[in-house]
């Protein structure tokens, strides 16, 4: 949102939300750097999630 205080000066505020997640059985670890890598699924029942949010405030002045 923004608000025009005068014809040259304005202020604004905003927000943002972002989320990301996985389903179960989303973790597979590959070990071994040789020609025959070994895939280990020890953590296969893990589920990951992340949420981020933020707000911001801005001001603007326009010179003639």
C-alpha atoms as a PDB file:
ATOM      1  CA  UNK A   1       0.000   0.000   0.000  1.00  0.00           C
ATOM      2  CA  UNK A   2       1.165   3.513  -0.589  1.00  0.00           C
ATOM      3  CA  UNK A   3      -0.130   6.879   0.471  1.00  0.00           C
ATOM      4  CA  UNK A   4       0.534  10.169  -1.317  1.00  0.00           C
ATOM      5  CA  UNK A   5       1.233  12.652   1.516  1.00  0.00           C
ATOM      6  CA  UNK A   6       1.886  15.592  -0.804  1.00  0.00           C
ATOM      7  CA  UNK A   7       2.261  15.839  -4.561  1.00  0.00           C
ATOM      8  CA  UNK A   8       5.993  15.086  -4.168  1.00  0.00           C
ATOM      9  CA  UNK A   9       6.179  12.868  -1.049  1.00  0.00           C
ATOM     10  CA  UNK A  10       4.723   9.369  -0.588  1.00  0.00           C
ATOM     11  CA  UNK A  11       5.064   6.591   1.978  1.00  0.00           C
ATOM     12  CA  UNK A  12       4.303   2.897   1.618  1.00  0.00           C
ATOM     13  CA  UNK A  13       4.218  -0.376   3.500  1.00  0.00           C
ATOM     14  CA  UNK A  14       4.119  -3.947   2.252  1.00  0.00           C
ATOM     15  CA  UNK A  15       4.467  -7.568   3.232  1.00  0.00           C
ATOM     16  CA  UNK A  16       5.495 -10.911   1.807  1.00  0.00           C
ATOM     17  CA  UNK A  17       4.971 -14.558   2.805  1.00  0.00           C
ATOM     18  CA  UNK A  18       6.746 -17.517   1.242  1.00  0.00           C
ATOM     19  CA  UNK A  19       6.627 -21.229   2.131  1.00  0.00           C
ATOM     20  CA  UNK A  20       8.206 -24.408   0.827  1.00  0.00           C
ATOM     21  CA  UNK A  21       7.820 -28.016   1.943  1.00  0.00           C
ATOM     22  CA  UNK A  22       8.448 -31.618   0.929  1.00  0.00           C
ATOM     23  CA  UNK A  23       6.466 -34.813   1.352  1.00  0.00           C
ATOM     24  CA  UNK A  24       7.644 -37.739   3.441  1.00  0.00           C
ATOM     25  CA  UNK A  25      10.414 -39.925   2.021  1.00  0.00           C
ATOM     26  CA  UNK A  26      12.136 -36.908   0.484  1.00  0.00           C
ATOM     27  CA  UNK A  27      15.655 -37.434   1.795  1.00  0.00           C
ATOM     28  CA  UNK A  28      18.192 -39.594  -0.031  1.00  0.00           C
ATOM     29  CA  UNK A  29      21.898 -39.397   0.704  1.00  0.00           C
ATOM     30  CA  UNK A  30      24.478 -40.569  -1.791  1.00  0.00           C
ATOM     31  CA  UNK A  31      27.871 -41.547  -0.362  1.00  0.00           C
ATOM     32  CA  UNK A  32      31.043 -42.607  -2.108  1.00  0.00           C
ATOM     33  CA  UNK A  33      32.961 -40.665  -4.712  1.00  0.00           C
ATOM     34  CA  UNK A  34      34.188 -43.566  -6.774  1.00  0.00           C
ATOM     35  CA  UNK A  35      32.734 -45.120  -9.918  1.00  0.00           C
ATOM     36  CA  UNK A  36      30.161 -47.084  -7.830  1.00  0.00           C
ATOM     37  CA  UNK A  37      28.428 -44.586  -5.505  1.00  0.00           C
ATOM     38  CA  UNK A  38      26.320 -46.072  -2.729  1.00  0.00           C
ATOM     39  CA  UNK A  39      22.838 -44.635  -2.168  1.00  0.00           C
ATOM     40  CA  UNK A  40      21.839 -44.628   1.496  1.00  0.00           C
ATOM     41  CA  UNK A  41      18.220 -43.945   2.409  1.00  0.00           C
ATOM     42  CA  UNK A  42      18.584 -43.851   6.212  1.00  0.00           C
ATOM     43  CA  UNK A  43      16.643 -40.607   6.561  1.00  0.00           C
ATOM     44  CA  UNK A  44      13.965 -41.545   4.035  1.00  0.00           C
ATOM     45  CA  UNK A  45      11.036 -40.757   6.301  1.00  0.00           C
ATOM     46  CA  UNK A  46      12.025 -37.129   6.853  1.00  0.00           C
ATOM     47  CA  UNK A  47       9.789 -34.222   5.920  1.00  0.00           C
ATOM     48  CA  UNK A  48      11.134 -30.686   5.535  1.00  0.00           C
ATOM     49  CA  UNK A  49       9.369 -27.333   5.630  1.00  0.00           C
ATOM     50  CA  UNK A  50      10.342 -23.677   5.642  1.00  0.00           C
ATOM     51  CA  UNK A  51       8.365 -20.480   6.020  1.00  0.00           C
ATOM     52  CA  UNK A  52       9.563 -16.918   5.585  1.00  0.00           C
ATOM     53  CA  UNK A  53       7.759 -13.654   5.976  1.00  0.00           C
ATOM     54  CA  UNK A  54       8.773 -10.038   5.937  1.00  0.00           C
ATOM     55  CA  UNK A  55       7.511  -6.498   5.962  1.00  0.00           C
ATOM     56  CA  UNK A  56       8.956  -3.323   4.544  1.00  0.00           C
ATOM     57  CA  UNK A  57       8.417   0.394   4.802  1.00  0.00           C
ATOM     58  CA  UNK A  58       9.420   2.894   2.147  1.00  0.00           C
ATOM     59  CA  UNK A  59       9.334   6.625   1.571  1.00  0.00           C
ATOM     60  CA  UNK A  60       9.757   8.485  -1.690  1.00  0.00           C
ATOM     61  CA  UNK A  61      10.309  12.124  -2.597  1.00  0.00           C
ATOM     62  CA  UNK A  62      10.102  13.385  -6.191  1.00  0.00           C
ATOM     63  CA  UNK A  63      12.098  16.502  -7.105  1.00  0.00           C
ATOM     64  CA  UNK A  64      10.639  18.800  -9.771  1.00  0.00           C
END
